[in-house]
C-alpha atoms as a PDB file:
ATOM      1  CA  MET A   1       0.000   0.000   0.000  1.00  0.00           C
ATOM      2  CA  PRO A   2       1.519   3.390  -0.977  1.00  0.00           C
ATOM      3  CA  ASN A   3       2.710   5.720   1.737  1.00  0.00           C
ATOM      4  CA  ASN A   4       0.673   8.819   2.598  1.00  0.00           C
ATOM      5  CA  ILE A   5      -2.525   7.578   1.013  1.00  0.00           C
ATOM      6  CA  PHE A   6      -4.406   8.380   4.235  1.00  0.00           C
ATOM      7  CA  ASP A   7      -4.713  11.658   6.132  1.00  0.00           C
ATOM      8  CA  MET A   8      -3.952  10.777   9.747  1.00  0.00           C
ATOM      9  CA  GLU A   9      -5.154  14.104  11.146  1.00  0.00           C
ATOM     10  CA  LEU A  10      -8.478  13.625   9.381  1.00  0.00           C
ATOM     11  CA  ARG A  11      -8.709  10.064  10.738  1.00  0.00           C
ATOM     12  CA  ALA A  12      -8.501  11.466  14.266  1.00  0.00           C
ATOM     13  CA  LEU A  13     -11.129  14.102  13.459  1.00  0.00           C
ATOM     14  CA  ARG A  14     -13.452  11.449  11.986  1.00  0.00           C
ATOM     15  CA  ARG A  15     -13.215   9.396  15.193  1.00  0.00           C
ATOM     16  CA  ASP A  16     -13.787  12.482  17.335  1.00  0.00           C
ATOM     17  CA  ARG A  17     -16.921  13.262  15.302  1.00  0.00           C
ATOM     18  CA  ALA A  18     -18.140   9.702  15.859  1.00  0.00           C
ATOM     19  CA  PHE A  19     -17.535  10.088  19.599  1.00  0.00           C
ATOM     20  CA  ARG A  20     -19.530  13.331  19.768  1.00  0.00           C
ATOM     21  CA  SER A  21     -22.453  12.019  17.705  1.00  0.00           C
ATOM     22  CA  GLY A  22     -22.599   8.713  19.565  1.00  0.00           C
ATOM     23  CA  PRO A  23     -20.639   5.909  17.877  1.00  0.00           C
ATOM     24  CA  GLU A  24     -22.314   3.167  15.878  1.00  0.00           C
ATOM     25  CA  LEU A  25     -20.787   0.047  17.380  1.00  0.00           C
ATOM     26  CA  PHE A  26     -22.537  -2.986  15.910  1.00  0.00           C
ATOM     27  CA  LEU A  27     -19.544  -4.005  13.775  1.00  0.00           C
ATOM     28  CA  HIS A  28     -16.954  -3.038  16.395  1.00  0.00           C
ATOM     29  CA  GLU A  29     -18.841  -4.934  19.074  1.00  0.00           C
ATOM     30  CA  ARG A  30     -19.172  -7.988  16.830  1.00  0.00           C
ATOM     31  CA  ALA A  31     -15.412  -7.999  16.262  1.00  0.00           C
ATOM     32  CA  PHE A  32     -14.529  -7.368  19.903  1.00  0.00           C
ATOM     33  CA  GLU A  33     -16.860 -10.073  21.199  1.00  0.00           C
ATOM     34  CA  ASP A  34     -15.390 -12.547  18.707  1.00  0.00           C
ATOM     35  CA  CYS A  35     -11.897 -11.793  20.019  1.00  0.00           C
ATOM     36  CA  LEU A  36     -13.007 -12.297  23.616  1.00  0.00           C
ATOM     37  CA  GLU A  37     -14.567 -15.643  22.700  1.00  0.00           C
ATOM     38  CA  ARG A  38     -11.308 -16.721  21.099  1.00  0.00           C
ATOM     39  CA  LEU A  39      -9.366 -15.745  24.214  1.00  0.00           C
ATOM     40  CA  THR A  40     -11.450 -18.226  26.215  1.00  0.00           C
ATOM     41  CA  LEU A  41      -9.901 -21.012  24.112  1.00  0.00           C
ATOM     42  CA  PHE A  42      -6.391 -20.368  25.441  1.00  0.00           C
ATOM     43  CA  ARG A  43      -5.370 -22.068  28.669  1.00  0.00           C
ATOM     44  CA  ARG A  44      -3.292 -19.214  29.971  1.00  0.00           C
ATOM     45  CA  ARG A  45      -3.713 -15.992  31.866  1.00  0.00           C
ATOM     46  CA  PHE A  46      -2.174 -13.063  30.033  1.00  0.00           C
ATOM     47  CA  GLN A  47      -0.331 -10.580  32.199  1.00  0.00           C
ATOM     48  CA  SER A  48      -0.241  -7.320  30.256  1.00  0.00           C
ATOM     49  CA  ALA A  49      -2.357  -6.332  27.240  1.00  0.00           C
ATOM     50  CA  LEU A  50      -2.388  -3.476  24.771  1.00  0.00           C
ATOM     51  CA  LEU A  51      -5.809  -2.630  23.352  1.00  0.00           C
ATOM     52  CA  ILE A  52      -5.571  -0.637  20.107  1.00  0.00           C
ATOM     53  CA  GLY A  53      -8.896   0.912  19.142  1.00  0.00           C
ATOM     54  CA  CYS A  54     -11.451   1.442  21.886  1.00  0.00           C
ATOM     55  CA  PRO A  55     -14.713   3.124  20.818  1.00  0.00           C
ATOM     56  CA  ASP A  56     -16.493   1.754  23.903  1.00  0.00           C
ATOM     57  CA  ALA A  57     -15.125   2.687  27.331  1.00  0.00           C
ATOM     58  CA  GLY A  58     -16.469  -0.600  28.739  1.00  0.00           C
ATOM     59  CA  TRP A  59     -14.079  -2.668  26.636  1.00  0.00           C
ATOM     60  CA  ARG A  60     -11.190  -2.183  29.055  1.00  0.00           C
ATOM     61  CA  SER A  61     -12.980  -3.844  31.979  1.00  0.00           C
ATOM     62  CA  ARG A  62     -14.258  -6.657  29.763  1.00  0.00           C
ATOM     63  CA  LEU A  63     -10.733  -7.392  28.576  1.00  0.00           C
ATOM     64  CA  GLU A  64      -9.462  -7.315  32.150  1.00  0.00           C
ATOM     65  CA  THR A  65     -11.400 -10.543  32.684  1.00  0.00           C
ATOM     66  CA  PHE A  66      -8.611 -12.235  30.716  1.00  0.00           C
ATOM     67  CA  VAL A  67      -5.625 -10.006  31.521  1.00  0.00           C
ATOM     68  CA  GLN A  68      -4.051  -8.723  34.701  1.00  0.00           C
ATOM     69  CA  SER A  69      -3.459  -5.211  33.325  1.00  0.00           C
ATOM     70  CA  VAL A  70      -4.620  -3.396  30.185  1.00  0.00           C
ATOM     71  CA  GLU A  71      -3.255  -0.314  28.442  1.00  0.00           C
ATOM     72  CA  VAL A  72      -5.524   1.360  25.910  1.00  0.00           C
ATOM     73  CA  CYS A  73      -4.852   3.588  22.926  1.00  0.00           C
ATOM     74  CA  ASP A  74      -6.990   4.930  20.118  1.00  0.00           C
ATOM     75  CA  PRO A  75      -6.402   7.092  17.034  1.00  0.00           C
ATOM     76  CA  GLY A  76      -9.228   9.382  18.181  1.00  0.00           C
ATOM     77  CA  PRO A  77      -8.286  11.789  20.989  1.00  0.00           C
ATOM     78  CA  LEU A  78     -11.788  11.772  22.494  1.00  0.00           C
ATOM     79  CA  PHE A  79     -12.072   7.972  22.518  1.00  0.00           C
ATOM     80  CA  ALA A  80      -8.601   7.780  24.069  1.00  0.00           C
ATOM     81  CA  LYS A  81      -9.429  10.379  26.721  1.00  0.00           C
ATOM     82  CA  ALA A  82     -12.653   8.555  27.665  1.00  0.00           C
ATOM     83  CA  VAL A  83     -10.631   5.510  28.788  1.00  0.00           C
ATOM     84  CA  ASP A  84      -7.627   7.395  30.141  1.00  0.00           C
ATOM     85  CA  GLY A  85      -5.626   6.075  27.209  1.00  0.00           C
ATOM     86  CA  ALA A  86      -3.095   7.392  24.723  1.00  0.00           C
ATOM     87  CA  VAL A  87      -3.553   8.647  21.182  1.00  0.00           C
ATOM     88  CA  ILE A  88      -1.813   6.437  18.640  1.00  0.00           C
ATOM     89  CA  ILE A  89      -0.829   6.407  14.989  1.00  0.00           C
ATOM     90  CA  GLU A  90      -0.013   2.739  14.676  1.00  0.00           C
ATOM     91  CA  ASP A  91       2.805   3.012  12.145  1.00  0.00           C
ATOM     92  CA  GLN A  92       4.503   5.907  13.977  1.00  0.00           C
ATOM     93  CA  TRP A  93       4.285   5.292  17.742  1.00  0.00           C
ATOM     94  CA  ASP A  94       7.203   4.699  20.078  1.00  0.00           C
ATOM     95  CA  ALA A  95       6.522   1.128  21.152  1.00  0.00           C
ATOM     96  CA  GLN A  96       7.939   0.087  24.496  1.00  0.00           C
ATOM     97  CA  PRO A  97       9.979  -3.060  23.735  1.00  0.00           C
ATOM     98  CA  GLN A  98       8.531  -6.340  24.984  1.00  0.00           C
ATOM     99  CA  ALA A  99       6.028  -4.653  27.279  1.00  0.00           C
ATOM    100  CA  PHE A 100       2.996  -6.866  26.578  1.00  0.00           C
ATOM    101  CA  ASP A 101       2.107 -10.506  26.122  1.00  0.00           C
ATOM    102  CA  LEU A 102      -1.196  -9.734  24.374  1.00  0.00           C
ATOM    103  CA  CYS A 103      -2.246  -7.130  21.814  1.00  0.00           C
ATOM    104  CA  LEU A 104      -5.876  -6.774  20.790  1.00  0.00           C
ATOM    105  CA  SER A 105      -6.385  -4.522  17.750  1.00  0.00           C
ATOM    106  CA  ILE A 106      -9.896  -3.649  16.604  1.00  0.00           C
ATOM    107  CA  GLY A 107     -10.737  -1.778  13.444  1.00  0.00           C
ATOM    108  CA  THR A 108      -7.972   0.786  13.040  1.00  0.00           C
ATOM    109  CA  ILE A 109      -4.788  -0.604  11.496  1.00  0.00           C
ATOM    110  CA  ASP A 110      -6.396  -0.991   8.064  1.00  0.00           C
ATOM    111  CA  THR A 111      -6.286   2.837   7.835  1.00  0.00           C
ATOM    112  CA  VAL A 112      -2.579   3.471   8.391  1.00  0.00           C
ATOM    113  CA  ASN A 113      -0.192   4.407   5.622  1.00  0.00           C
ATOM    114  CA  ASP A 114       2.310   1.645   6.369  1.00  0.00           C
ATOM    115  CA  LEU A 115       0.567  -1.508   7.578  1.00  0.00           C
ATOM    116  CA  PRO A 116       3.757  -3.640   7.618  1.00  0.00           C
ATOM    117  CA  ARG A 117       5.453  -1.013   9.790  1.00  0.00           C
ATOM    118  CA  ALA A 118       2.466  -0.951  12.155  1.00  0.00           C
ATOM    119  CA  LEU A 119       2.596  -4.730  12.538  1.00  0.00           C
ATOM    120  CA  GLN A 120       6.356  -4.633  13.093  1.00  0.00           C
ATOM    121  CA  LEU A 121       5.939  -2.063  15.856  1.00  0.00           C
ATOM    122  CA  ILE A 122       3.276  -4.213  17.512  1.00  0.00           C
ATOM    123  CA  ARG A 123       5.611  -7.183  17.167  1.00  0.00           C
ATOM    124  CA  GLY A 124       8.366  -5.242  18.921  1.00  0.00           C
ATOM    125  CA  SER A 125       6.069  -4.348  21.826  1.00  0.00           C
ATOM    126  CA  LEU A 126       5.310  -8.011  22.539  1.00  0.00           C
ATOM    127  CA  THR A 127       7.369 -10.474  24.531  1.00  0.00           C
ATOM    128  CA  GLU A 128       8.209 -13.929  23.219  1.00  0.00           C
ATOM    129  CA  ASP A 129       5.298 -16.372  22.807  1.00  0.00           C
ATOM    130  CA  SER A 130       2.762 -13.517  22.882  1.00  0.00           C
ATOM    131  CA  LEU A 131      -0.520 -13.163  21.030  1.00  0.00           C
ATOM    132  CA  LEU A 132      -1.716 -10.572  18.533  1.00  0.00           C
ATOM    133  CA  ILE A 133      -5.431 -10.880  17.875  1.00  0.00           C
ATOM    134  CA  GLY A 134      -7.846  -8.515  16.227  1.00  0.00           C
ATOM    135  CA  ALA A 135     -10.026  -7.500  13.336  1.00  0.00           C
ATOM    136  CA  MET A 136      -9.901  -5.074  10.433  1.00  0.00           C
ATOM    137  CA  ALA A 137     -11.970  -4.284   7.375  1.00  0.00           C
ATOM    138  CA  GLY A 138     -11.206  -6.412   4.333  1.00  0.00           C
ATOM    139  CA  GLY A 139     -10.980  -5.713   0.635  1.00  0.00           C
ATOM    140  CA  ASP A 140     -14.548  -6.765  -0.185  1.00  0.00           C
ATOM    141  CA  CYS A 141     -16.167  -4.154   2.039  1.00  0.00           C
ATOM    142  CA  LEU A 142     -18.990  -1.966   0.762  1.00  0.00           C
ATOM    143  CA  PRO A 143     -19.566  -3.211  -2.804  1.00  0.00           C
ATOM    144  CA  GLN A 144     -22.854  -1.333  -3.130  1.00  0.00           C
ATOM    145  CA  LEU A 145     -21.271   1.911  -1.979  1.00  0.00           C
ATOM    146  CA  ARG A 146     -18.414   1.459  -4.431  1.00  0.00           C
ATOM    147  CA  ARG A 147     -20.919   0.847  -7.222  1.00  0.00           C
ATOM    148  CA  ALA A 148     -22.977   3.878  -6.245  1.00  0.00           C
ATOM    149  CA  MET A 149     -19.879   6.094  -6.227  1.00  0.00           C
ATOM    150  CA  HIS A 150     -19.007   4.830  -9.711  1.00  0.00           C
ATOM    151  CA  TYR A 151     -22.358   6.121 -10.915  1.00  0.00           C
ATOM    152  CA  ALA A 152     -21.791   9.354  -9.005  1.00  0.00           C
ATOM    153  CA  ASP A 153     -18.587   9.892 -10.948  1.00  0.00           C
ATOM    154  CA  GLN A 154     -20.436   9.280 -14.204  1.00  0.00           C
ATOM    155  CA  GLY A 155     -23.221  11.648 -13.170  1.00  0.00           C
ATOM    156  CA  GLY A 156     -20.783  14.315 -12.100  1.00  0.00           C
ATOM    157  CA  GLY A 157     -18.527  13.970 -15.107  1.00  0.00           C
ATOM    158  CA  ALA A 158     -15.308  13.408 -13.131  1.00  0.00           C
ATOM    159  CA  ALA A 159     -13.726  10.481 -11.307  1.00  0.00           C
ATOM    160  CA  SER A 160     -12.462  10.725  -7.740  1.00  0.00           C
ATOM    161  CA  PRO A 161     -11.396   8.074  -5.218  1.00  0.00           C
ATOM    162  CA  HIS A 162     -14.089   7.525  -2.596  1.00  0.00           C
ATOM    163  CA  VAL A 163     -13.474   4.203  -0.828  1.00  0.00           C
ATOM    164  CA  HIS A 164     -10.343   3.088   0.996  1.00  0.00           C
ATOM    165  CA  PRO A 165      -8.094   0.446  -0.550  1.00  0.00           C
ATOM    166  CA  ARG A 166      -7.808  -2.461   1.875  1.00  0.00           C
ATOM    167  CA  ILE A 167      -5.807  -5.649   2.223  1.00  0.00           C
ATOM    168  CA  GLU A 168      -7.272  -8.869   0.859  1.00  0.00           C
ATOM    169  CA  ALA A 169      -7.837 -11.818   3.177  1.00  0.00           C
ATOM    170  CA  GLY A 170      -5.413 -13.987   1.209  1.00  0.00           C
ATOM    171  CA  SER A 171      -2.552 -11.520   1.723  1.00  0.00           C
ATOM    172  CA  LEU A 172      -2.915 -10.869   5.449  1.00  0.00           C
ATOM    173  CA  ALA A 173      -1.490 -14.155   6.746  1.00  0.00           C
ATOM    174  CA  ALA A 174       1.624 -13.762   4.579  1.00  0.00           C
ATOM    175  CA  LEU A 175       2.018 -10.183   5.781  1.00  0.00           C
ATOM    176  CA  LEU A 176       1.858 -11.256   9.426  1.00  0.00           C
ATOM    177  CA  THR A 177       4.540 -13.865   8.778  1.00  0.00           C
ATOM    178  CA  GLY A 178       6.697 -11.335   6.984  1.00  0.00           C
ATOM    179  CA  CYS A 179       6.448  -8.996   9.994  1.00  0.00           C
ATOM    180  CA  GLY A 180       7.863 -11.599  12.372  1.00  0.00           C
ATOM    181  CA  PHE A 181       4.778 -13.429  13.611  1.00  0.00           C
ATOM    182  CA  VAL A 182       4.240 -17.183  13.491  1.00  0.00           C
ATOM    183  CA  ARG A 183       1.195 -19.450  13.202  1.00  0.00           C
ATOM    184  CA  PRO A 184      -1.040 -16.794  11.626  1.00  0.00           C
ATOM    185  CA  VAL A 185      -4.751 -17.498  11.214  1.00  0.00           C
ATOM    186  CA  VAL A 186      -7.125 -15.306   9.209  1.00  0.00           C
ATOM    187  CA  ASP A 187     -10.897 -15.794   9.077  1.00  0.00           C
ATOM    188  CA  VAL A 188     -13.451 -13.812   7.093  1.00  0.00           C
ATOM    189  CA  ASP A 189     -16.758 -12.633   8.539  1.00  0.00           C
ATOM    190  CA  ARG A 190     -19.172 -11.093   6.019  1.00  0.00           C
ATOM    191  CA  VAL A 191     -21.910  -9.031   7.603  1.00  0.00           C
ATOM    192  CA  GLN A 192     -24.924  -7.996   5.541  1.00  0.00           C
ATOM    193  CA  VAL A 193     -26.968  -4.974   6.550  1.00  0.00           C
ATOM    194  CA  ALA A 194     -30.116  -3.711   4.803  1.00  0.00           C
ATOM    195  CA  TYR A 195     -30.515   0.032   4.288  1.00  0.00           C
ATOM    196  CA  GLU A 196     -33.485   1.993   3.005  1.00  0.00           C
ATOM    197  CA  THR A 197     -31.267   4.703   1.513  1.00  0.00           C
ATOM    198  CA  LEU A 198     -27.674   5.497   0.698  1.00  0.00           C
ATOM    199  CA  ASP A 199     -27.867   8.308   3.251  1.00  0.00           C
ATOM    200  CA  GLY A 200     -28.613   5.732   5.957  1.00  0.00           C
ATOM    201  CA  LEU A 201     -25.451   3.809   5.083  1.00  0.00           C
ATOM    202  CA  VAL A 202     -23.337   6.961   4.995  1.00  0.00           C
ATOM    203  CA  ASN A 203     -24.713   8.040   8.374  1.00  0.00           C
ATOM    204  CA  ASP A 204     -23.679   4.698   9.882  1.00  0.00           C
ATOM    205  CA  LEU A 205     -20.202   5.059   8.372  1.00  0.00           C
ATOM    206  CA  ARG A 206     -19.862   8.546   9.877  1.00  0.00           C
ATOM    207  CA  ARG A 207     -20.824   7.246  13.299  1.00  0.00           C
ATOM    208  CA  MET A 208     -18.252   4.451  12.878  1.00  0.00           C
ATOM    209  CA  GLY A 209     -15.567   7.006  12.017  1.00  0.00           C
ATOM    210  CA  ALA A 210     -15.264   5.161   8.721  1.00  0.00           C
ATOM    211  CA  THR A 211     -15.867   7.761   6.017  1.00  0.00           C
ATOM    212  CA  SER A 212     -13.093   8.642   3.615  1.00  0.00           C
ATOM    213  CA  ILE A 213      -9.726   9.818   4.918  1.00  0.00           C
ATOM    214  CA  LEU A 214      -8.001   9.550   1.540  1.00  0.00           C
ATOM    215  CA  ASN A 215      -5.573  12.346   0.777  1.00  0.00           C
ATOM    216  CA  ALA A 216      -6.751  12.190  -2.835  1.00  0.00           C
ATOM    217  CA  ARG A 217     -10.443  12.494  -1.913  1.00  0.00           C
ATOM    218  CA  ALA A 218     -12.634  15.177  -3.446  1.00  0.00           C
ATOM    219  CA  ARG A 219     -12.677  18.221  -1.160  1.00  0.00           C
ATOM    220  CA  THR A 220     -16.142  19.455  -2.165  1.00  0.00           C
ATOM    221  CA  PRO A 221     -19.568  17.819  -1.713  1.00  0.00           C
ATOM    222  CA  LEU A 222     -21.013  15.819  -4.585  1.00  0.00           C
ATOM    223  CA  MET A 223     -22.802  17.903  -7.182  1.00  0.00           C
ATOM    224  CA  ARG A 224     -26.575  17.436  -7.295  1.00  0.00           C
ATOM    225  CA  ALA A 225     -26.475  15.262 -10.417  1.00  0.00           C
ATOM    226  CA  ALA A 226     -23.736  13.053  -9.001  1.00  0.00           C
ATOM    227  CA  SER A 227     -25.530  12.657  -5.663  1.00  0.00           C
ATOM    228  CA  ALA A 228     -28.788  11.771  -7.420  1.00  0.00           C
ATOM    229  CA  ALA A 229     -27.016   9.191  -9.593  1.00  0.00           C
ATOM    230  CA  ALA A 230     -25.410   7.550  -6.556  1.00  0.00           C
ATOM    231  CA  LYS A 231     -28.666   7.387  -4.607  1.00  0.00           C
ATOM    232  CA  ALA A 232     -30.535   5.975  -7.583  1.00  0.00           C
ATOM    233  CA  ALA A 233     -27.904   3.303  -8.207  1.00  0.00           C
ATOM    234  CA  PHE A 234     -27.983   2.284  -4.550  1.00  0.00           C
ATOM    235  CA  ARG A 235     -31.772   2.064  -4.546  1.00  0.00           C
ATOM    236  CA  LEU A 236     -31.912   0.069  -7.801  1.00  0.00           C
ATOM    237  CA  ALA A 237     -29.443  -2.476  -6.370  1.00  0.00           C
ATOM    238  CA  GLY A 238     -32.078  -3.460  -3.808  1.00  0.00           C
ATOM    239  CA  ASP A 239     -35.619  -4.830  -3.860  1.00  0.00           C
ATOM    240  CA  GLY A 240     -37.317  -1.462  -4.012  1.00  0.00           C
ATOM    241  CA  LEU A 241     -37.513  -1.119  -0.234  1.00  0.00           C
ATOM    242  CA  ARG A 242     -34.025  -1.868   1.029  1.00  0.00           C
ATOM    243  CA  THR A 243     -30.562  -2.477  -0.370  1.00  0.00           C
ATOM    244  CA  VAL A 244     -28.249  -4.982   1.284  1.00  0.00           C
ATOM    245  CA  GLU A 245     -24.697  -3.763   1.857  1.00  0.00           C
ATOM    246  CA  SER A 246     -21.845  -6.102   2.813  1.00  0.00           C
ATOM    247  CA  PHE A 247     -19.115  -5.470   5.364  1.00  0.00           C
ATOM    248  CA  GLU A 248     -16.113  -7.800   5.285  1.00  0.00           C
ATOM    249  CA  ILE A 249     -14.297  -8.223   8.592  1.00  0.00           C
ATOM    250  CA  LEU A 250     -10.933  -9.979   8.657  1.00  0.00           C
ATOM    251  CA  HIS A 251     -10.325 -11.690  12.005  1.00  0.00           C
ATOM    252  CA  PHE A 252      -6.666 -12.460  12.553  1.00  0.00           C
ATOM    253  CA  ALA A 253      -4.447 -14.026  15.172  1.00  0.00           C
ATOM    254  CA  ALA A 254      -0.729 -14.716  15.279  1.00  0.00           C
ATOM    255  CA  TRP A 255       2.012 -15.341  17.839  1.00  0.00           C
ATOM    256  CA  THR A 256       5.468 -14.037  18.447  1.00  0.00           C
ATOM    257  CA  PRO A 257       8.073 -16.819  18.323  1.00  0.00           C
ATOM    258  CA  ALA A 258       8.946 -18.660  21.519  1.00  0.00           C
ATOM    259  CA  ARG A 259      12.570 -19.347  22.340  1.00  0.00           C
END
């Protein structure tokens, strides 16, 4: 993935807006609960965890069921402040070497400019025989939105990038291995959600902090013709009442090598 494709300051602002409006958590909660269920399968008590991405202040105490101590960080300053955590840019932070034996990462590292670097920094923060587990959006997210934006470009007479490029499921395991992890596992969870309108989908994305942070994004609102074309395409993709959009969540787990 090219460097500087994402605007990190805008990413923080998007998450702050989601905090102020009241975050939409159904996908985040689904991913977090899945990770907790997987932790029950391990016959060990983790000592020190790093939680990256925390849109719900209650997550810390829920994770403490499995871990003696938990440090929290989030790309959004308001989410971080709500849990007395730190603000993080995952491919730029100063990781304390071998400070944790568990890292749980939910829904943020797919929007960094250097994903391999982010994973390497997480790797460096973990002790030997430690677990990285988490979830991120996959490459097959939002096909109906992508299609609608294609028609918006046609209606507006100019093309502009609208939707984030994301890693494919088949590439993530190899990337984890290349960043120093072992025994990687990647599972795909496809969540389908029915929306009456394109505006309803976009509103959910705003409240997830998941609207575009592309540096190359258009800086002005869609023209009326482009907006109408996008809304019509989204509506026609459905049954006349609702259109089903798909969210692809990549669940991943990998270990640091043991001696």
